[in-house]
Amino acid sequence: MVVMLSVQMMAVEWIPKDIKGNDVDLSIYKGKVLLVINVASKCGLTNSNYDELNQLYQNYKDQGFEILAFPCNQFGSQEPGSNKEIEDFVCTRFRFNL
C-alpha cells in the first residue's frame, strides 16, 4: 500500500523530533519523495531492513528521495535503547548519518 501525505498539511499538524530531540520542520522535505518507516534494532529483520534502506537511499537520493525513520518500541519491545544508544547503533553498524 502506498500512502501519500501532504507535507504542507503535516508540517502544520505534526512537528516530529529528531534523534537528538530537536523539532524537525517538515517543510524542508517539500517536493521530495519520502519513505516514512518505523525501525527497531532488536527486530529479526534489522540487518536486512537497514541494508535495504541504505541501498534505496543510495540509489535515489539524487532524485530527491529521503527516509524518515522513527524508532519504535511498541511491537514486542524491539527498540528498548535510549535515543543515544539507537543513534550509536545505526551510525556505527550501518553507517547512516543522522
Foldseek 3Di string as FASTA:
>chain_A
DDDDDDLVVCQVVDFDADLVGHTDRSVVLPPAAEDEEEAFPQDPCRVVVLVVVVVVCVVCVVVRYDYHYHYDCPPPRRHVDRSVVVVCCCCPVNVDDD
